[in-house]
Amino acid sequence: MSVCTHLAALTEIIPAREHVCEECIKTGDRWVHLRTCQSCGVTLCCDSSPNKHATKHYHASQHPVMASAEPGERWLWCYIDEQMAQY
């Protein structure tokens, strides 16, 4: 299986600026895992978290690729093509 065009277009990985969900911090909510948008760099919570901010960000912005912001994890997810890639 080949890598989708959204994942293939990445030339560098944007790291998390902070290891917090920027939206959950505003409301005092908790998160499970973090993801960093590879278009704008915002770090948000995953779909296992109550608010699912990363997926909400994708639907609002159409930014297709998120990277895990968890220490030791090195993978990307394309929402459009529902494809994962290691880096």
Protein backbone atom coordinates (compact mmCIF):
# COMPACT_ATOMS: atom_id res chain seq x y z
CA MET A 1 0.00 0.00 0.00
CA SER A 2 1.41 3.37 -0.95
CA VAL A 3 1.41 6.43 1.29
CA CYS A 4 -1.40 8.90 0.59
CA THR A 5 -0.58 12.26 -0.98
CA HIS A 6 -1.24 14.16 2.28
CA LEU A 7 1.32 12.12 4.21
CA ALA A 8 3.78 12.09 1.30
CA ALA A 9 3.62 15.90 1.06
CA LEU A 10 5.06 16.40 4.55
CA THR A 11 8.67 17.58 4.48
CA GLU A 12 9.08 17.93 8.25
CA ILE A 13 7.12 16.98 11.35
CA ILE A 14 5.77 19.80 13.52
CA PRO A 15 6.38 18.86 17.17
CA ALA A 16 4.00 19.72 20.01
CA ARG A 17 4.77 23.15 21.46
CA GLU A 18 3.38 22.04 24.82
CA HIS A 19 2.09 18.69 26.00
CA VAL A 20 -1.45 19.87 26.75
CA CYS A 21 -4.70 20.02 24.80
CA GLU A 22 -5.02 23.70 24.02
CA GLU A 23 -8.85 23.52 24.05
CA CYS A 24 -9.21 21.36 27.18
CA ILE A 25 -6.99 23.82 29.09
CA LYS A 26 -9.48 26.61 28.32
CA THR A 27 -12.37 24.68 29.88
CA GLY A 28 -10.51 22.80 32.61
CA ASP A 29 -11.21 19.42 30.98
CA ARG A 30 -8.96 16.35 30.89
CA TRP A 31 -7.54 14.41 27.96
CA VAL A 32 -6.17 10.92 27.32
CA HIS A 33 -3.62 11.37 24.50
CA LEU A 34 -2.46 14.30 22.38
CA ARG A 35 -2.17 14.91 18.64
CA THR A 36 -0.46 17.79 16.80
CA CYS A 37 -1.89 19.19 13.56
CA GLN A 38 0.71 19.10 10.83
CA SER A 39 -0.81 22.10 9.05
CA CYS A 40 -1.00 24.67 11.85
CA GLY A 41 0.79 23.10 14.84
CA VAL A 42 -2.09 23.13 17.34
CA THR A 43 -1.98 20.27 19.87
CA LEU A 44 -5.33 18.77 20.81
CA CYS A 45 -6.83 15.67 22.45
CA CYS A 46 -7.48 12.34 20.72
CA ASP A 47 -10.71 10.46 20.08
CA SER A 48 -10.30 8.49 23.33
CA SER A 49 -10.64 11.81 25.17
CA PRO A 50 -14.12 13.10 26.08
CA ASN A 51 -13.96 16.19 23.82
CA LYS A 52 -12.18 14.72 20.76
CA HIS A 53 -10.71 18.12 19.93
CA ALA A 54 -8.24 16.85 17.28
CA THR A 55 -11.04 15.38 15.16
CA LYS A 56 -13.20 18.47 15.70
CA HIS A 57 -10.26 20.56 14.49
CA TYR A 58 -10.01 18.46 11.33
CA HIS A 59 -13.73 18.87 10.57
CA ALA A 60 -13.57 22.65 11.14
CA SER A 61 -10.26 23.31 9.36
CA GLN A 62 -9.89 20.43 6.88
CA HIS A 63 -6.24 20.12 7.98
CA PRO A 64 -5.70 16.47 7.01
CA VAL A 65 -2.73 15.17 9.03
CA MET A 66 -2.15 14.81 12.77
CA ALA A 67 0.95 13.42 14.48
CA SER A 68 0.97 11.72 17.83
CA ALA A 69 2.30 14.15 20.44
CA GLU A 70 2.91 11.35 22.93
CA PRO A 71 6.53 10.84 24.04
CA GLY A 72 8.11 7.91 22.22
CA GLU A 73 5.35 7.66 19.57
CA ARG A 74 6.30 8.48 15.99
CA TRP A 75 3.24 8.11 13.78
CA LEU A 76 0.99 10.24 11.59
CA TRP A 77 -2.71 9.93 10.74
CA CYS A 78 -4.44 11.26 7.63
CA TYR A 79 -8.12 11.92 8.30
CA ILE A 80 -9.03 12.16 4.62
CA ASP A 81 -7.53 8.85 3.53
CA GLU A 82 -7.79 7.17 6.96
CA GLN A 83 -4.15 6.14 6.67
CA MET A 84 -1.42 5.85 9.29
CA ALA A 85 2.31 6.11 8.69
CA GLN A 86 5.35 5.75 10.94
CA TYR A 87 8.14 8.32 10.78
